[in-house]
Protein backbone atom coordinates (compact mmCIF):
# COMPACT_ATOMS: atom_id res chain seq x y z
CA MET A 1 251.31 35.12 31.14
CA ASN A 2 249.59 34.79 27.21
CA GLN A 3 251.87 34.07 24.55
CA ASN A 4 250.42 35.99 22.01
CA PRO A 5 253.06 38.88 20.84
CA TYR A 6 250.54 40.63 19.83
CA THR A 7 248.47 41.80 22.96
CA PRO A 8 248.87 45.59 24.59
CA PRO A 9 252.07 45.41 27.89
CA GLU A 10 249.84 45.18 31.24
CA SER A 11 251.71 48.63 32.94
CA GLU A 12 250.23 52.32 32.76
CA VAL A 13 252.82 54.40 30.37
CA LYS A 14 252.32 58.12 30.65
CA ASP A 15 254.56 60.74 29.85
CA VAL A 16 256.36 62.45 32.66
CA PRO A 17 255.28 65.82 33.59
CA TYR A 18 258.16 69.00 33.37
CA GLU A 19 258.80 71.60 35.99
CA ARG A 20 259.50 74.06 36.23
CA ALA A 21 262.82 75.15 37.77
CA VAL A 22 261.44 78.39 40.46
CA ALA A 23 258.24 77.47 41.44
CA GLN A 24 257.48 81.86 41.67
CA ARG A 25 258.39 84.15 38.42
CA PRO A 26 261.64 85.93 39.61
CA ARG A 27 261.45 89.29 40.17
CA ASN A 28 263.75 89.80 36.72
CA VAL A 29 260.36 88.29 34.60
CA VAL A 30 257.98 90.95 35.68
CA HIS A 31 260.76 93.75 36.19
CA ALA A 32 261.48 92.89 32.41
CA VAL A 33 257.32 91.91 31.05
CA ARG A 34 257.30 95.67 32.44
CA MET A 35 259.73 97.03 31.01
CA LEU A 36 259.03 95.95 28.17
CA TRP A 37 254.95 97.09 28.36
CA ILE A 38 256.36 100.67 28.28
CA SER A 39 258.59 100.21 25.22
CA LEU A 40 255.42 98.66 24.29
CA VAL A 41 253.15 101.65 24.73
CA LEU A 42 256.24 104.47 24.17
CA SER A 43 257.04 103.00 20.44
CA ILE A 44 253.34 103.91 19.49
CA PRO A 45 253.87 107.89 18.61
CA LEU A 46 257.06 107.16 16.59
CA SER A 47 254.95 104.69 14.74
CA ILE A 48 252.03 107.28 14.51
CA ARG A 49 254.38 109.81 13.05
CA GLU A 50 256.16 106.28 10.05
CA TYR A 51 252.30 105.96 9.26
CA GLN A 52 251.43 109.78 8.71
CA ASP A 53 254.75 110.19 6.81
CA ALA A 54 254.38 107.79 4.55
CA ALA A 55 250.94 108.66 4.39
CA SER A 56 251.92 111.78 2.77
CA GLU A 57 253.73 110.08 0.32
CA GLY A 58 251.24 107.43 -0.72
CA ASN A 59 253.20 104.51 1.05
CA ALA A 60 250.77 103.85 3.79
CA THR A 61 248.54 100.68 3.39
CA PHE A 62 251.51 98.58 3.77
CA LEU A 63 253.72 99.89 6.63
CA LEU A 64 250.10 100.32 8.68
CA TYR A 65 249.68 96.24 8.15
CA PHE A 66 253.14 95.43 8.97
CA ILE A 67 252.79 97.89 12.01
CA LEU A 68 249.39 96.57 13.66
CA THR A 69 251.92 92.93 12.71
CA LEU A 70 254.75 93.79 14.80
CA TYR A 71 253.01 95.52 18.01
CA ALA A 72 250.69 91.66 17.93
CA LEU A 73 253.71 89.36 17.40
CA SER A 74 255.13 91.44 20.92
CA VAL A 75 251.60 91.68 22.76
CA LEU A 76 252.28 88.23 21.79
CA ILE A 77 255.82 88.28 22.99
CA ASN A 78 255.35 89.51 26.66
CA LEU A 79 252.83 87.34 27.47
CA TYR A 80 254.32 84.36 26.40
CA ILE A 81 257.13 86.44 27.73
CA HIS A 82 255.12 85.37 31.62
CA ARG A 83 253.93 82.57 31.51
CA GLY A 84 257.59 81.34 30.63
CA SER A 85 257.68 80.86 26.88
CA HIS A 86 261.32 79.90 26.09
CA TRP A 87 260.28 80.63 21.97
CA ALA A 88 258.95 84.42 23.16
CA ARG A 89 262.24 84.33 24.81
CA VAL A 90 264.29 83.60 21.94
CA LEU A 91 261.55 85.56 19.98
CA LEU A 92 262.36 88.50 21.65
CA LEU A 93 266.82 88.21 21.21
CA VAL A 94 265.47 87.90 17.37
CA PHE A 95 263.82 90.84 17.26
CA ASN A 96 265.88 92.47 19.60
CA VAL A 97 269.21 92.75 17.51
CA LEU A 98 267.08 92.92 13.85
CA ASN A 99 266.04 96.15 15.95
CA VAL A 100 269.50 97.52 16.94
CA LEU A 101 271.01 96.61 13.06
CA SER A 102 268.20 98.86 11.11
CA PHE A 103 268.89 101.88 13.87
CA LEU A 104 272.32 101.27 13.40
CA ALA A 105 271.94 101.35 9.53
CA ALA A 106 269.67 104.03 9.97
CA MET A 107 271.04 106.33 12.44
CA GLN A 108 271.31 110.08 9.24
CA GLU A 109 267.92 109.74 8.63
CA LEU A 110 266.78 108.78 13.11
CA LEU A 111 269.03 111.91 13.55
CA GLY A 112 266.41 113.99 11.84
CA TYR A 113 264.07 113.24 14.06
CA PRO A 114 262.30 115.89 16.49
CA VAL A 115 264.49 115.59 19.61
CA GLY A 116 261.48 114.51 21.61
CA ASP A 117 261.11 111.10 18.97
CA LEU A 118 264.31 110.19 19.38
CA VAL A 119 263.78 109.94 23.60
CA CYS A 120 261.11 107.78 22.97
CA LEU A 121 263.30 105.65 20.35
CA ALA A 122 265.77 105.74 22.93
CA THR A 123 264.54 104.81 25.83
CA SER A 124 262.09 102.31 24.60
CA MET A 125 265.89 100.81 22.70
CA ALA A 126 267.28 100.24 26.26
CA LEU A 127 264.13 99.45 27.34
CA ASP A 128 264.07 96.22 25.45
CA LEU A 129 267.80 95.73 25.81
CA ILE A 130 266.85 96.21 29.58
CA ALA A 131 263.98 93.18 29.93
CA LEU A 132 266.88 91.25 27.36
CA VAL A 133 269.30 91.58 29.67
CA LEU A 134 266.45 90.51 32.43
CA VAL A 135 265.36 87.43 31.09
CA PHE A 136 268.33 85.73 30.02
CA THR A 137 270.78 85.98 33.32
CA ARG A 138 269.71 84.07 36.50
CA PRO A 139 267.50 84.28 38.10
CA GLY A 140 265.21 85.50 34.98
CA ALA A 141 266.45 82.30 33.63
CA LEU A 142 265.34 80.01 35.60
CA TRP A 143 262.35 81.64 34.65
CA PHE A 144 262.53 79.72 31.46
CA ARG A 145 263.80 76.20 32.09
CA ARG A 146 261.51 73.23 32.39
CA ILE A 147 262.63 69.81 33.92
CA GLN A 148 261.81 66.56 34.48
CA ARG A 149 260.65 64.40 37.71
């Protein structure tokens, strides 16, 4: 035994990796991700309509960047929910809350939209909310839980 207090320890120290609480991706998560992709595709015509309205008023540049940024974030959230990242699930919750609040705030203006746009908007919001429920309830919630063994 060496009495030098500055010698490194002899034992090997490792972090134990985290494992998922469930081995396979639950159907709830698969269905939720599919719903999120469908919702994303359904929202494209609405975004094009908003962009065209803004372009006629001359405010299109900022809106275009904003829409593209939101679509990029939506794609990342969908991919990381599929992979089981908890932060993506929380971000989905935050975006859904903001989406519902903005929908309620703009309700009067939205009623002036064509019926097809309203159907797309309502369907997209419904799919987002159903997907949110699926990833926060069992067995979908277990996909995001990590346990240390």
